[in-house]
Amino acid sequence: MALCILLANLPDVDFLVGLIFYGRFNILHGEMTHSALFLVVASLFATLCQIHPSVRSFFFTFLLIGSHDLMDFLSSQALGLQRAYGIAFFYPFSQEKIGAPFSLFYGVRHKNLEQLFSLENLWTIGYELCVFLPAVALIYLARRPTDSRMHE
């Protein structure tokens, strides 16, 4: 589970890189690590680091990392018919940020460290948990072996 959480948040490693190399944690956010190229390369690398790499594990890793890009593609300060912040999906070929014409998720505020660790962002995390936990629970329950399968 921890590995899944790490992979799903991997595109935000740009915060750490920005802080270490530029002294500003949000200077690179939404660019290279939110691109299709990074998605493919990171998925391939993570798959090859596994004990038994497979095409199936590549696609699972791809979906985990890609889910972050999709959420950022659909995130803004308000829900509804407000243009999403967007990501530089075609970086390095284009630095233009592409976002949906509507927003399904609250974007995490990250103008400064105080905003990043704010109560408002905690509510954003709570909203995302309310949206995704029921789906994850259903998938878990559907995949869990039933008693009849265990006795066969």
N, C-alpha and C. Protein backbone atom coordinates (compact mmCIF):
# COMPACT_ATOMS: atom_id res chain seq x y z
N MET A 1 0.82 -1.19 0.00
CA MET A 1 0.00 0.00 0.00
C MET A 1 0.87 1.26 0.00
N ALA A 2 1.94 1.25 0.79
CA ALA A 2 2.84 2.41 0.85
C ALA A 2 3.48 2.66 -0.52
N LEU A 3 3.84 1.60 -1.22
CA LEU A 3 4.42 1.75 -2.56
C LEU A 3 3.41 2.35 -3.53
N CYS A 4 2.16 1.95 -3.43
CA CYS A 4 1.11 2.51 -4.29
C CYS A 4 0.94 4.00 -4.02
N ILE A 5 0.94 4.38 -2.74
CA ILE A 5 0.81 5.80 -2.38
C ILE A 5 2.02 6.59 -2.90
N LEU A 6 3.20 6.02 -2.77
CA LEU A 6 4.42 6.67 -3.27
C LEU A 6 4.36 6.87 -4.78
N LEU A 7 3.98 5.83 -5.51
CA LEU A 7 3.92 5.94 -6.97
C LEU A 7 2.84 6.92 -7.42
N ALA A 8 1.70 6.92 -6.75
CA ALA A 8 0.62 7.84 -7.12
C ALA A 8 1.00 9.30 -6.88
N ASN A 9 1.94 9.53 -5.98
CA ASN A 9 2.37 10.90 -5.69
C ASN A 9 3.73 11.24 -6.29
N LEU A 10 4.30 10.32 -7.04
CA LEU A 10 5.63 10.51 -7.62
C LEU A 10 5.77 11.79 -8.45
N PRO A 11 4.77 12.19 -9.24
CA PRO A 11 4.94 13.43 -10.00
C PRO A 11 5.21 14.66 -9.13
N ASP A 12 4.83 14.63 -7.88
CA ASP A 12 5.08 15.77 -7.00
C ASP A 12 6.50 15.79 -6.43
N VAL A 13 7.36 14.89 -6.91
CA VAL A 13 8.77 14.93 -6.52
C VAL A 13 9.40 16.25 -6.98
N ASP A 14 8.73 16.92 -7.93
CA ASP A 14 9.23 18.22 -8.40
C ASP A 14 9.27 19.26 -7.27
N PHE A 15 8.43 19.10 -6.25
CA PHE A 15 8.50 20.01 -5.09
C PHE A 15 9.85 19.87 -4.40
N LEU A 16 10.28 18.64 -4.19
CA LEU A 16 11.55 18.37 -3.51
C LEU A 16 12.73 18.85 -4.36
N VAL A 17 12.69 18.57 -5.66
CA VAL A 17 13.76 18.99 -6.57
C VAL A 17 13.85 20.52 -6.61
N GLY A 18 12.70 21.19 -6.70
CA GLY A 18 12.69 22.65 -6.71
C GLY A 18 13.27 23.24 -5.43
N LEU A 19 12.93 22.63 -4.29
CA LEU A 19 13.43 23.12 -3.01
C LEU A 19 14.94 22.93 -2.89
N ILE A 20 15.44 21.76 -3.28
CA ILE A 20 16.87 21.45 -3.14
C ILE A 20 17.72 22.26 -4.12
N PHE A 21 17.31 22.32 -5.39
CA PHE A 21 18.16 22.93 -6.41
C PHE A 21 17.89 24.41 -6.68
N TYR A 22 16.68 24.89 -6.35
CA TYR A 22 16.34 26.28 -6.65
C TYR A 22 15.96 27.09 -5.42
N GLY A 23 15.79 26.41 -4.28
CA GLY A 23 15.39 27.10 -3.06
C GLY A 23 13.93 27.51 -3.06
N ARG A 24 13.17 27.11 -4.07
CA ARG A 24 11.73 27.38 -4.16
C ARG A 24 11.04 26.07 -4.52
N PHE A 25 10.25 25.56 -3.60
CA PHE A 25 9.70 24.23 -3.80
C PHE A 25 8.71 24.12 -4.95
N ASN A 26 8.04 25.20 -5.33
CA ASN A 26 7.01 25.09 -6.37
C ASN A 26 7.43 25.63 -7.74
N ILE A 27 8.71 25.88 -7.92
CA ILE A 27 9.19 26.49 -9.17
C ILE A 27 9.02 25.57 -10.38
N LEU A 28 9.06 24.27 -10.18
CA LEU A 28 8.98 23.31 -11.29
C LEU A 28 7.65 22.57 -11.36
N HIS A 29 6.74 22.89 -10.45
CA HIS A 29 5.53 22.08 -10.32
C HIS A 29 4.66 22.08 -11.57
N GLY A 30 4.22 20.88 -11.93
CA GLY A 30 3.31 20.72 -13.07
C GLY A 30 4.00 20.64 -14.41
N GLU A 31 5.32 20.58 -14.42
CA GLU A 31 6.04 20.56 -15.70
C GLU A 31 6.56 19.15 -15.99
N MET A 32 7.88 18.97 -15.95
CA MET A 32 8.50 17.72 -16.40
C MET A 32 7.92 16.48 -15.72
N THR A 33 7.74 16.51 -14.41
CA THR A 33 7.29 15.30 -13.71
C THR A 33 5.80 15.03 -13.89
N HIS A 34 5.11 15.92 -14.57
CA HIS A 34 3.69 15.72 -14.87
C HIS A 34 3.48 15.48 -16.37
N SER A 35 4.55 15.11 -17.07
CA SER A 35 4.48 14.92 -18.52
C SER A 35 4.29 13.46 -18.89
N ALA A 36 3.88 13.23 -20.13
CA ALA A 36 3.72 11.87 -20.66
C ALA A 36 5.06 11.15 -20.68
N LEU A 37 6.12 11.86 -21.02
CA LEU A 37 7.45 11.25 -21.07
C LEU A 37 7.85 10.73 -19.68
N PHE A 38 7.68 11.56 -18.66
CA PHE A 38 7.99 11.13 -17.29
C PHE A 38 7.12 9.94 -16.88
N LEU A 39 5.87 9.99 -17.25
CA LEU A 39 4.93 8.91 -16.91
C LEU A 39 5.41 7.57 -17.46
N VAL A 40 5.81 7.55 -18.71
CA VAL A 40 6.27 6.31 -19.35
C VAL A 40 7.61 5.86 -18.77
N VAL A 41 8.56 6.78 -18.66
CA VAL A 41 9.90 6.44 -18.16
C VAL A 41 9.84 5.99 -16.70
N ALA A 42 9.10 6.70 -15.85
CA ALA A 42 9.00 6.33 -14.44
C ALA A 42 8.28 4.98 -14.28
N SER A 43 7.26 4.75 -15.09
CA SER A 43 6.54 3.46 -15.03
C SER A 43 7.45 2.32 -15.45
N LEU A 44 8.21 2.53 -16.50
CA LEU A 44 9.14 1.51 -16.97
C LEU A 44 10.22 1.24 -15.93
N PHE A 45 10.80 2.29 -15.37
CA PHE A 45 11.84 2.14 -14.35
C PHE A 45 11.30 1.39 -13.12
N ALA A 46 10.12 1.81 -12.64
CA ALA A 46 9.53 1.17 -11.46
C ALA A 46 9.22 -0.30 -11.73
N THR A 47 8.81 -0.61 -12.95
CA THR A 47 8.51 -1.99 -13.31
C THR A 47 9.79 -2.82 -13.36
N LEU A 48 10.84 -2.28 -13.95
CA LEU A 48 12.09 -3.01 -14.06
C LEU A 48 12.78 -3.22 -12.71
N CYS A 49 12.42 -2.41 -11.71
CA CYS A 49 12.98 -2.57 -10.36
C CYS A 49 12.28 -3.69 -9.57
N GLN A 50 11.21 -4.22 -10.11
CA GLN A 50 10.47 -5.27 -9.42
C GLN A 50 11.16 -6.62 -9.59
N ILE A 51 10.86 -7.52 -8.66
CA ILE A 51 11.47 -8.86 -8.72
C ILE A 51 10.99 -9.62 -9.94
N HIS A 52 9.71 -9.52 -10.26
CA HIS A 52 9.14 -10.19 -11.43
C HIS A 52 8.44 -9.16 -12.31
N PRO A 53 9.22 -8.38 -13.09
CA PRO A 53 8.59 -7.37 -13.94
C PRO A 53 7.72 -8.03 -15.01
N SER A 54 6.61 -7.38 -15.34
CA SER A 54 5.71 -7.89 -16.36
C SER A 54 4.98 -6.74 -17.03
N VAL A 55 4.34 -7.02 -18.13
CA VAL A 55 3.54 -6.01 -18.81
C VAL A 55 2.40 -5.57 -17.90
N ARG A 56 1.83 -6.51 -17.18
CA ARG A 56 0.73 -6.21 -16.27
C ARG A 56 1.20 -5.24 -15.17
N SER A 57 2.38 -5.49 -14.61
CA SER A 57 2.87 -4.58 -13.55
C SER A 57 3.22 -3.21 -14.13
N PHE A 58 3.67 -3.17 -15.39
CA PHE A 58 3.92 -1.88 -16.03
C PHE A 58 2.62 -1.08 -16.13
N PHE A 59 1.55 -1.72 -16.59
CA PHE A 59 0.28 -1.01 -16.73
C PHE A 59 -0.29 -0.58 -15.38
N PHE A 60 -0.11 -1.40 -14.35
CA PHE A 60 -0.56 -1.03 -13.01
C PHE A 60 0.21 0.20 -12.53
N THR A 61 1.51 0.18 -12.69
CA THR A 61 2.35 1.32 -12.30
C THR A 61 2.00 2.55 -13.11
N PHE A 62 1.80 2.38 -14.41
CA PHE A 62 1.40 3.46 -15.31
C PHE A 62 0.10 4.10 -14.82
N LEU A 63 -0.87 3.28 -14.43
CA LEU A 63 -2.15 3.80 -13.94
C LEU A 63 -1.99 4.53 -12.61
N LEU A 64 -1.14 4.01 -11.73
CA LEU A 64 -0.92 4.68 -10.44
C LEU A 64 -0.31 6.07 -10.64
N ILE A 65 0.75 6.14 -11.41
CA ILE A 65 1.41 7.43 -11.63
C ILE A 65 0.51 8.34 -12.46
N GLY A 66 -0.12 7.78 -13.48
CA GLY A 66 -0.99 8.56 -14.36
C GLY A 66 -2.23 9.10 -13.65
N SER A 67 -2.67 8.43 -12.59
CA SER A 67 -3.84 8.93 -11.86
C SER A 67 -3.56 10.31 -11.27
N HIS A 68 -2.32 10.55 -10.89
CA HIS A 68 -1.94 11.86 -10.35
C HIS A 68 -2.07 12.93 -11.44
N ASP A 69 -1.56 12.62 -12.62
CA ASP A 69 -1.66 13.57 -13.73
C ASP A 69 -3.12 13.86 -14.08
N LEU A 70 -3.94 12.81 -14.08
CA LEU A 70 -5.35 12.98 -14.39
C LEU A 70 -6.04 13.88 -13.37
N MET A 71 -5.73 13.66 -12.10
CA MET A 71 -6.34 14.51 -11.06
C MET A 71 -5.88 15.96 -11.18
N ASP A 72 -4.60 16.17 -11.47
CA ASP A 72 -4.12 17.54 -11.65
C ASP A 72 -4.73 18.17 -12.90
N PHE A 73 -4.99 17.38 -13.91
CA PHE A 73 -5.64 17.84 -15.14
C PHE A 73 -7.07 18.31 -14.84
N LEU A 74 -7.67 17.74 -13.81
CA LEU A 74 -9.07 18.02 -13.46
C LEU A 74 -9.21 18.85 -12.18
N SER A 75 -8.14 19.50 -11.73
CA SER A 75 -8.17 20.23 -10.45
C SER A 75 -8.11 21.74 -10.64
N SER A 76 -8.83 22.44 -9.75
CA SER A 76 -8.82 23.89 -9.74
C SER A 76 -9.19 24.36 -8.34
N GLN A 77 -9.34 25.68 -8.16
CA GLN A 77 -9.68 26.22 -6.84
C GLN A 77 -11.13 25.97 -6.47
N ALA A 78 -11.97 25.70 -7.48
CA ALA A 78 -13.39 25.46 -7.22
C ALA A 78 -13.88 24.34 -8.14
N LEU A 79 -14.91 23.67 -7.73
CA LEU A 79 -15.47 22.60 -8.55
C LEU A 79 -16.44 23.17 -9.57
N GLY A 80 -16.63 22.46 -10.66
CA GLY A 80 -17.62 22.86 -11.66
C GLY A 80 -17.01 23.41 -12.92
N LEU A 81 -17.72 24.35 -13.51
CA LEU A 81 -17.31 24.89 -14.81
C LEU A 81 -16.26 25.99 -14.65
N GLN A 82 -15.17 25.61 -14.07
CA GLN A 82 -14.02 26.48 -13.94
C GLN A 82 -12.82 25.75 -14.53
N ARG A 83 -12.08 26.43 -15.38
CA ARG A 83 -10.94 25.81 -16.04
C ARG A 83 -9.95 25.27 -15.01
N ALA A 84 -9.51 24.04 -15.23
CA ALA A 84 -8.56 23.40 -14.32
C ALA A 84 -7.17 24.01 -14.51
N TYR A 85 -6.33 23.85 -13.50
CA TYR A 85 -4.97 24.40 -13.54
C TYR A 85 -4.20 23.86 -14.74
N GLY A 86 -4.20 22.55 -14.91
CA GLY A 86 -3.52 21.93 -16.03
C GLY A 86 -2.11 21.47 -15.72
N ILE A 87 -1.58 20.69 -16.63
CA ILE A 87 -0.23 20.13 -16.53
C ILE A 87 0.46 20.27 -17.88
N ALA A 88 1.77 20.30 -17.86
CA ALA A 88 2.57 20.36 -19.10
C ALA A 88 2.76 18.93 -19.61
N PHE A 89 1.70 18.34 -20.10
CA PHE A 89 1.69 16.92 -20.47
C PHE A 89 2.66 16.61 -21.60
N PHE A 90 2.91 17.56 -22.48
CA PHE A 90 3.79 17.30 -23.64
C PHE A 90 5.21 17.84 -23.44
N TYR A 91 5.55 18.17 -22.19
CA TYR A 91 6.91 18.61 -21.86
C TYR A 91 7.88 17.50 -22.24
N PRO A 92 9.03 17.72 -22.84
CA PRO A 92 9.74 18.96 -23.11
C PRO A 92 9.41 19.59 -24.46
N PHE A 93 8.48 19.01 -25.20
CA PHE A 93 8.14 19.53 -26.52
C PHE A 93 7.29 20.79 -26.44
N SER A 94 6.55 20.92 -25.37
CA SER A 94 5.74 22.11 -25.13
C SER A 94 5.61 22.31 -23.62
N GLN A 95 5.77 23.55 -23.17
CA GLN A 95 5.62 23.85 -21.75
C GLN A 95 4.22 24.36 -21.43
N GLU A 96 3.36 24.39 -22.44
CA GLU A 96 1.98 24.85 -22.24
C GLU A 96 1.25 23.87 -21.32
N LYS A 97 0.57 24.43 -20.32
CA LYS A 97 -0.19 23.60 -19.39
C LYS A 97 -1.59 23.40 -19.94
N ILE A 98 -1.98 22.14 -20.01
CA ILE A 98 -3.28 21.77 -20.54
C ILE A 98 -4.16 21.32 -19.38
N GLY A 99 -5.34 21.92 -19.28
CA GLY A 99 -6.27 21.56 -18.22
C GLY A 99 -7.67 21.38 -18.78
N ALA A 100 -8.48 20.65 -18.07
CA ALA A 100 -9.86 20.43 -18.47
C ALA A 100 -10.64 21.75 -18.39
N PRO A 101 -11.71 21.88 -19.18
CA PRO A 101 -12.53 23.09 -19.10
C PRO A 101 -13.45 23.11 -17.88
N PHE A 102 -13.35 22.08 -17.05
CA PHE A 102 -14.14 21.98 -15.83
C PHE A 102 -13.25 21.38 -14.75
N SER A 103 -13.71 21.44 -13.52
CA SER A 103 -12.91 20.94 -12.41
C SER A 103 -13.73 19.96 -11.57
N LEU A 104 -13.15 18.79 -11.31
CA LEU A 104 -13.79 17.78 -10.48
C LEU A 104 -13.15 17.66 -9.11
N PHE A 105 -11.95 18.24 -8.96
CA PHE A 105 -11.21 18.14 -7.70
C PHE A 105 -10.71 19.52 -7.29
N TYR A 106 -10.60 19.71 -5.99
CA TYR A 106 -9.98 20.93 -5.47
C TYR A 106 -8.47 20.78 -5.63
N GLY A 107 -7.84 21.76 -6.17
CA GLY A 107 -6.39 21.73 -6.29
C GLY A 107 -5.74 22.06 -4.97
N VAL A 108 -4.67 21.37 -4.67
CA VAL A 108 -3.92 21.65 -3.45
C VAL A 108 -3.23 23.00 -3.62
N ARG A 109 -3.35 23.83 -2.63
CA ARG A 109 -2.71 25.16 -2.66
C ARG A 109 -1.23 24.98 -2.34
N HIS A 110 -0.38 25.63 -3.13
CA HIS A 110 1.06 25.45 -2.92
C HIS A 110 1.88 26.67 -3.32
N LYS A 111 1.32 27.84 -3.08
CA LYS A 111 2.06 29.08 -3.39
C LYS A 111 3.25 29.25 -2.46
N ASN A 112 3.08 28.83 -1.20
CA ASN A 112 4.17 28.88 -0.23
C ASN A 112 4.00 27.70 0.74
N LEU A 113 4.98 27.50 1.60
CA LEU A 113 4.94 26.34 2.51
C LEU A 113 3.78 26.43 3.50
N GLU A 114 3.45 27.64 3.95
CA GLU A 114 2.33 27.80 4.87
C GLU A 114 1.03 27.34 4.21
N GLN A 115 0.85 27.71 2.96
CA GLN A 115 -0.33 27.31 2.22
C GLN A 115 -0.33 25.80 1.96
N LEU A 116 0.84 25.25 1.65
CA LEU A 116 0.95 23.82 1.37
C LEU A 116 0.51 22.98 2.57
N PHE A 117 0.89 23.41 3.78
CA PHE A 117 0.56 22.66 4.99
C PHE A 117 -0.64 23.27 5.72
N SER A 118 -1.60 23.81 4.98
CA SER A 118 -2.75 24.48 5.57
C SER A 118 -3.90 23.52 5.85
N LEU A 119 -4.81 23.99 6.68
CA LEU A 119 -6.02 23.23 6.99
C LEU A 119 -6.88 23.07 5.73
N GLU A 120 -6.85 24.06 4.87
CA GLU A 120 -7.60 24.00 3.61
C GLU A 120 -7.15 22.81 2.76
N ASN A 121 -5.84 22.57 2.70
CA ASN A 121 -5.34 21.43 1.95
C ASN A 121 -5.71 20.12 2.63
N LEU A 122 -5.82 20.12 3.93
CA LEU A 122 -6.27 18.92 4.65
C LEU A 122 -7.70 18.58 4.25
N TRP A 123 -8.55 19.61 4.10
CA TRP A 123 -9.91 19.38 3.63
C TRP A 123 -9.92 18.84 2.21
N THR A 124 -9.00 19.29 1.38
CA THR A 124 -8.88 18.79 0.02
C THR A 124 -8.56 17.30 0.02
N ILE A 125 -7.65 16.91 0.88
CA ILE A 125 -7.30 15.48 1.01
C ILE A 125 -8.52 14.69 1.49
N GLY A 126 -9.26 15.24 2.42
CA GLY A 126 -10.47 14.59 2.91
C GLY A 126 -11.50 14.39 1.81
N TYR A 127 -11.66 15.41 0.96
CA TYR A 127 -12.58 15.31 -0.17
C TYR A 127 -12.16 14.17 -1.11
N GLU A 128 -10.87 14.11 -1.42
CA GLU A 128 -10.38 13.06 -2.32
C GLU A 128 -10.56 11.68 -1.70
N LEU A 129 -10.36 11.56 -0.41
CA LEU A 129 -10.59 10.27 0.26
C LEU A 129 -12.06 9.87 0.18
N CYS A 130 -12.96 10.83 0.36
CA CYS A 130 -14.39 10.53 0.25
C CYS A 130 -14.78 10.10 -1.16
N VAL A 131 -14.11 10.65 -2.15
CA VAL A 131 -14.40 10.29 -3.53
C VAL A 131 -13.84 8.90 -3.87
N PHE A 132 -12.61 8.62 -3.44
CA PHE A 132 -11.93 7.41 -3.91
C PHE A 132 -12.02 6.20 -2.98
N LEU A 133 -12.16 6.40 -1.68
CA LEU A 133 -12.20 5.24 -0.78
C LEU A 133 -13.34 4.27 -1.08
N PRO A 134 -14.55 4.74 -1.37
CA PRO A 134 -15.60 3.77 -1.71
C PRO A 134 -15.25 2.93 -2.95
N ALA A 135 -14.67 3.54 -3.95
CA ALA A 135 -14.28 2.79 -5.15
C ALA A 135 -13.19 1.77 -4.84
N VAL A 136 -12.21 2.17 -4.06
CA VAL A 136 -11.13 1.25 -3.68
C VAL A 136 -11.69 0.10 -2.84
N ALA A 137 -12.60 0.40 -1.94
CA ALA A 137 -13.21 -0.64 -1.10
C ALA A 137 -13.99 -1.63 -1.96
N LEU A 138 -14.74 -1.13 -2.93
CA LEU A 138 -15.49 -2.03 -3.82
C LEU A 138 -14.57 -2.93 -4.63
N ILE A 139 -13.49 -2.37 -5.14
CA ILE A 139 -12.52 -3.17 -5.90
C ILE A 139 -11.90 -4.23 -5.00
N TYR A 140 -11.55 -3.83 -3.78
CA TYR A 140 -10.97 -4.78 -2.83
C TYR A 140 -11.95 -5.91 -2.52
N LEU A 141 -13.19 -5.56 -2.24
CA LEU A 141 -14.19 -6.57 -1.91
C LEU A 141 -14.49 -7.49 -3.10
N ALA A 142 -14.48 -6.94 -4.31
CA ALA A 142 -14.74 -7.75 -5.50
C ALA A 142 -13.61 -8.72 -5.78
N ARG A 143 -12.40 -8.36 -5.43
CA ARG A 143 -11.23 -9.21 -5.71
C ARG A 143 -10.93 -10.18 -4.58
N ARG A 144 -11.50 -9.94 -3.40
CA ARG A 144 -11.24 -10.78 -2.24
C ARG A 144 -11.86 -12.16 -2.46
N PRO A 145 -11.10 -13.21 -2.16
CA PRO A 145 -11.66 -14.55 -2.34
C PRO A 145 -12.83 -14.79 -1.38
N THR A 146 -13.87 -15.40 -1.90
CA THR A 146 -15.02 -15.74 -1.05
C THR A 146 -14.74 -17.06 -0.36
N ASP A 147 -15.54 -17.39 0.64
CA ASP A 147 -15.36 -18.64 1.35
C ASP A 147 -15.48 -19.85 0.43
N SER A 148 -16.40 -19.78 -0.56
CA SER A 148 -16.59 -20.92 -1.46
C SER A 148 -15.35 -21.14 -2.34
N ARG A 149 -14.68 -20.05 -2.73
CA ARG A 149 -13.47 -20.20 -3.54
C ARG A 149 -12.32 -20.73 -2.72
N MET A 150 -12.31 -20.43 -1.43
CA MET A 150 -11.20 -20.85 -0.58
C MET A 150 -11.22 -22.35 -0.32
N HIS A 151 -12.40 -22.99 -0.41
CA HIS A 151 -12.50 -24.42 -0.12
C HIS A 151 -12.34 -25.27 -1.36
N GLU A 152 -12.20 -24.68 -2.52
CA GLU A 152 -12.07 -25.47 -3.76
C GLU A 152 -10.65 -25.96 -3.95
